[in-house]
Amino acid sequence: MIDYILIALIVILVIFAILKRVIHLVVIALIILLAYLFFKYGLHLI
């Protein structure tokens, strides 16, 4: 459930950033999402 909330917040942030032409916010959001997914699922693969 928390995963869906986090993804929804990032999607909203990306849409808002695109509308405001603030591309660096999109980059930051994607980095946060990738880091989150890496720590959550990547550690199980090791």
PDB file of N, CA and C in Angstrom:
ATOM      1  N   MET A   1       0.830  -1.198   0.000  1.00  0.00           N
ATOM      2  CA  MET A   1       0.000   0.000   0.000  1.00  0.00           C
ATOM      3  C   MET A   1       0.869   1.255   0.000  1.00  0.00           C
ATOM      4  N   ILE A   2       1.937   1.203   0.786  1.00  0.00           N
ATOM      5  CA  ILE A   2       2.842   2.350   0.859  1.00  0.00           C
ATOM      6  C   ILE A   2       3.513   2.577  -0.496  1.00  0.00           C
ATOM      7  N   ASP A   3       3.809   1.477  -1.203  1.00  0.00           N
ATOM      8  CA  ASP A   3       4.442   1.594  -2.517  1.00  0.00           C
ATOM      9  C   ASP A   3       3.564   2.397  -3.470  1.00  0.00           C
ATOM     10  N   TYR A   4       2.267   2.103  -3.482  1.00  0.00           N
ATOM     11  CA  TYR A   4       1.359   2.794  -4.392  1.00  0.00           C
ATOM     12  C   TYR A   4       1.253   4.276  -4.048  1.00  0.00           C
ATOM     13  N   ILE A   5       1.254   4.577  -2.748  1.00  0.00           N
ATOM     14  CA  ILE A   5       1.191   5.977  -2.320  1.00  0.00           C
ATOM     15  C   ILE A   5       2.444   6.724  -2.769  1.00  0.00           C
ATOM     16  N   LEU A   6       3.604   6.110  -2.589  1.00  0.00           N
ATOM     17  CA  LEU A   6       4.864   6.743  -2.983  1.00  0.00           C
ATOM     18  C   LEU A   6       4.901   6.979  -4.486  1.00  0.00           C
ATOM     19  N   ILE A   7       4.525   5.955  -5.261  1.00  0.00           N
ATOM     20  CA  ILE A   7       4.526   6.076  -6.720  1.00  0.00           C
ATOM     21  C   ILE A   7       3.541   7.153  -7.162  1.00  0.00           C
ATOM     22  N   ALA A   8       2.365   7.198  -6.534  1.00  0.00           N
ATOM     23  CA  ALA A   8       1.367   8.210  -6.883  1.00  0.00           C
ATOM     24  C   ALA A   8       1.897   9.618  -6.609  1.00  0.00           C
ATOM     25  N   LEU A   9       2.569   9.799  -5.482  1.00  0.00           N
ATOM     26  CA  LEU A   9       3.125  11.111  -5.147  1.00  0.00           C
ATOM     27  C   LEU A   9       4.180  11.529  -6.165  1.00  0.00           C
ATOM     28  N   ILE A  10       5.021  10.589  -6.578  1.00  0.00           N
ATOM     29  CA  ILE A  10       6.062  10.907  -7.551  1.00  0.00           C
ATOM     30  C   ILE A  10       5.448  11.233  -8.907  1.00  0.00           C
ATOM     31  N   VAL A  11       4.413  10.481  -9.301  1.00  0.00           N
ATOM     32  CA  VAL A  11       3.738  10.760 -10.575  1.00  0.00           C
ATOM     33  C   VAL A  11       3.127  12.164 -10.555  1.00  0.00           C
ATOM     34  N   ILE A  12       2.481  12.512  -9.443  1.00  0.00           N
ATOM     35  CA  ILE A  12       1.901  13.853  -9.310  1.00  0.00           C
ATOM     36  C   ILE A  12       2.993  14.916  -9.380  1.00  0.00           C
ATOM     37  N   LEU A  13       4.115  14.659  -8.720  1.00  0.00           N
ATOM     38  CA  LEU A  13       5.230  15.606  -8.738  1.00  0.00           C
ATOM     39  C   LEU A  13       5.771  15.780 -10.150  1.00  0.00           C
ATOM     40  N   VAL A  14       5.899  14.673 -10.887  1.00  0.00           N
ATOM     41  CA  VAL A  14       6.396  14.727 -12.265  1.00  0.00           C
ATOM     42  C   VAL A  14       5.443  15.530 -13.147  1.00  0.00           C
ATOM     43  N   ILE A  15       4.138  15.264 -13.031  1.00  0.00           N
ATOM     44  CA  ILE A  15       3.156  15.998 -13.837  1.00  0.00           C
ATOM     45  C   ILE A  15       3.208  17.492 -13.514  1.00  0.00           C
ATOM     46  N   PHE A  16       3.254  17.815 -12.222  1.00  0.00           N
ATOM     47  CA  PHE A  16       3.334  19.212 -11.795  1.00  0.00           C
ATOM     48  C   PHE A  16       4.605  19.867 -12.335  1.00  0.00           C
ATOM     49  N   ALA A  17       5.714  19.152 -12.256  1.00  0.00           N
ATOM     50  CA  ALA A  17       6.993  19.696 -12.710  1.00  0.00           C
ATOM     51  C   ALA A  17       6.981  19.945 -14.215  1.00  0.00           C
ATOM     52  N   ILE A  18       6.367  19.017 -14.969  1.00  0.00           N
ATOM     53  CA  ILE A  18       6.291  19.189 -16.423  1.00  0.00           C
ATOM     54  C   ILE A  18       5.438  20.413 -16.755  1.00  0.00           C
ATOM     55  N   LEU A  19       4.331  20.573 -16.046  1.00  0.00           N
ATOM     56  CA  LEU A  19       3.466  21.733 -16.287  1.00  0.00           C
ATOM     57  C   LEU A  19       4.192  23.029 -15.964  1.00  0.00           C
ATOM     58  N   LYS A  20       5.031  22.992 -14.950  1.00  0.00           N
ATOM     59  CA  LYS A  20       5.766  24.186 -14.534  1.00  0.00           C
ATOM     60  C   LYS A  20       7.121  24.289 -15.234  1.00  0.00           C
ATOM     61  N   ARG A  21       7.426  23.289 -16.091  1.00  0.00           N
ATOM     62  CA  ARG A  21       8.701  23.262 -16.826  1.00  0.00           C
ATOM     63  C   ARG A  21       9.897  23.193 -15.875  1.00  0.00           C
ATOM     64  N   VAL A  22       9.713  22.488 -14.763  1.00  0.00           N
ATOM     65  CA  VAL A  22      10.807  22.346 -13.798  1.00  0.00           C
ATOM     66  C   VAL A  22      11.356  20.931 -13.928  1.00  0.00           C
ATOM     67  N   ILE A  23      12.266  20.757 -14.873  1.00  0.00           N
ATOM     68  CA  ILE A  23      12.738  19.419 -15.215  1.00  0.00           C
ATOM     69  C   ILE A  23      13.604  18.814 -14.111  1.00  0.00           C
ATOM     70  N   HIS A  24      14.337  19.650 -13.376  1.00  0.00           N
ATOM     71  CA  HIS A  24      15.232  19.081 -12.357  1.00  0.00           C
ATOM     72  C   HIS A  24      14.448  18.388 -11.247  1.00  0.00           C
ATOM     73  N   LEU A  25      13.197  18.799 -11.025  1.00  0.00           N
ATOM     74  CA  LEU A  25      12.373  18.110 -10.031  1.00  0.00           C
ATOM     75  C   LEU A  25      12.047  16.696 -10.493  1.00  0.00           C
ATOM     76  N   VAL A  26      11.854  16.542 -11.809  1.00  0.00           N
ATOM     77  CA  VAL A  26      11.582  15.214 -12.360  1.00  0.00           C
ATOM     78  C   VAL A  26      12.785  14.312 -12.139  1.00  0.00           C
ATOM     79  N   VAL A  27      13.974  14.845 -12.400  1.00  0.00           N
ATOM     80  CA  VAL A  27      15.202  14.069 -12.218  1.00  0.00           C
ATOM     81  C   VAL A  27      15.354  13.650 -10.760  1.00  0.00           C
ATOM     82  N   ILE A  28      15.116  14.576  -9.849  1.00  0.00           N
ATOM     83  CA  ILE A  28      15.227  14.267  -8.420  1.00  0.00           C
ATOM     84  C   ILE A  28      14.229  13.189  -8.021  1.00  0.00           C
ATOM     85  N   ALA A  29      12.988  13.307  -8.512  1.00  0.00           N
ATOM     86  CA  ALA A  29      11.949  12.330  -8.184  1.00  0.00           C
ATOM     87  C   ALA A  29      12.322  10.948  -8.703  1.00  0.00           C
ATOM     88  N   LEU A  30      12.859  10.883  -9.924  1.00  0.00           N
ATOM     89  CA  LEU A  30      13.244   9.592 -10.498  1.00  0.00           C
ATOM     90  C   LEU A  30      14.404   8.976  -9.727  1.00  0.00           C
ATOM     91  N   ILE A  31      15.360   9.797  -9.321  1.00  0.00           N
ATOM     92  CA  ILE A  31      16.490   9.287  -8.541  1.00  0.00           C
ATOM     93  C   ILE A  31      16.007   8.724  -7.211  1.00  0.00           C
ATOM     94  N   ILE A  32      15.075   9.443  -6.565  1.00  0.00           N
ATOM     95  CA  ILE A  32      14.533   8.968  -5.287  1.00  0.00           C
ATOM     96  C   ILE A  32      13.809   7.645  -5.478  1.00  0.00           C
ATOM     97  N   LEU A  33      13.012   7.547  -6.548  1.00  0.00           N
ATOM     98  CA  LEU A  33      12.259   6.318  -6.801  1.00  0.00           C
ATOM     99  C   LEU A  33      13.200   5.153  -7.087  1.00  0.00           C
ATOM    100  N   LEU A  34      14.221   5.391  -7.911  1.00  0.00           N
ATOM    101  CA  LEU A  34      15.172   4.330  -8.239  1.00  0.00           C
ATOM    102  C   LEU A  34      15.937   3.879  -7.000  1.00  0.00           C
ATOM    103  N   ALA A  35      16.341   4.827  -6.167  1.00  0.00           N
ATOM    104  CA  ALA A  35      17.058   4.483  -4.942  1.00  0.00           C
ATOM    105  C   ALA A  35      16.164   3.668  -4.016  1.00  0.00           C
ATOM    106  N   TYR A  36      14.891   4.069  -3.919  1.00  0.00           N
ATOM    107  CA  TYR A  36      13.944   3.353  -3.060  1.00  0.00           C
ATOM    108  C   TYR A  36      13.751   1.923  -3.548  1.00  0.00           C
ATOM    109  N   LEU A  37      13.546   1.776  -4.849  1.00  0.00           N
ATOM    110  CA  LEU A  37      13.338   0.438  -5.406  1.00  0.00           C
ATOM    111  C   LEU A  37      14.595  -0.413  -5.258  1.00  0.00           C
ATOM    112  N   PHE A  38      15.767   0.215  -5.405  1.00  0.00           N
ATOM    113  CA  PHE A  38      17.020  -0.526  -5.282  1.00  0.00           C
ATOM    114  C   PHE A  38      17.202  -1.054  -3.867  1.00  0.00           C
ATOM    115  N   PHE A  39      16.968  -0.192  -2.878  1.00  0.00           N
ATOM    116  CA  PHE A  39      17.151  -0.622  -1.489  1.00  0.00           C
ATOM    117  C   PHE A  39      16.092  -1.626  -1.068  1.00  0.00           C
ATOM    118  N   LYS A  40      14.885  -1.528  -1.655  1.00  0.00           N
ATOM    119  CA  LYS A  40      13.814  -2.428  -1.248  1.00  0.00           C
ATOM    120  C   LYS A  40      13.970  -3.808  -1.887  1.00  0.00           C
ATOM    121  N   TYR A  41      14.248  -3.825  -3.207  1.00  0.00           N
ATOM    122  CA  TYR A  41      14.298  -5.098  -3.924  1.00  0.00           C
ATOM    123  C   TYR A  41      15.723  -5.555  -4.230  1.00  0.00           C
ATOM    124  N   GLY A  42      16.632  -4.603  -4.407  1.00  0.00           N
ATOM    125  CA  GLY A  42      18.000  -4.936  -4.771  1.00  0.00           C
ATOM    126  C   GLY A  42      18.730  -5.710  -3.683  1.00  0.00           C
ATOM    127  N   LEU A  43      18.452  -5.391  -2.423  1.00  0.00           N
ATOM    128  CA  LEU A  43      19.136  -6.061  -1.321  1.00  0.00           C
ATOM    129  C   LEU A  43      18.750  -7.533  -1.238  1.00  0.00           C
ATOM    130  N   HIS A  44      17.551  -7.873  -1.722  1.00  0.00           N
ATOM    131  CA  HIS A  44      17.115  -9.272  -1.684  1.00  0.00           C
ATOM    132  C   HIS A  44      17.833 -10.098  -2.751  1.00  0.00           C
ATOM    133  N   LEU A  45      18.313  -9.422  -3.790  1.00  0.00           N
ATOM    134  CA  LEU A  45      18.962 -10.131  -4.896  1.00  0.00           C
ATOM    135  C   LEU A  45      20.397 -10.495  -4.551  1.00  0.00           C
ATOM    136  N   ILE A  46      20.981  -9.741  -3.631  1.00  0.00           N
ATOM    137  CA  ILE A  46      22.382  -9.987  -3.271  1.00  0.00           C
ATOM    138  C   ILE A  46      22.497 -11.256  -2.424  1.00  0.00           C
TER     139      ILE A  46
END
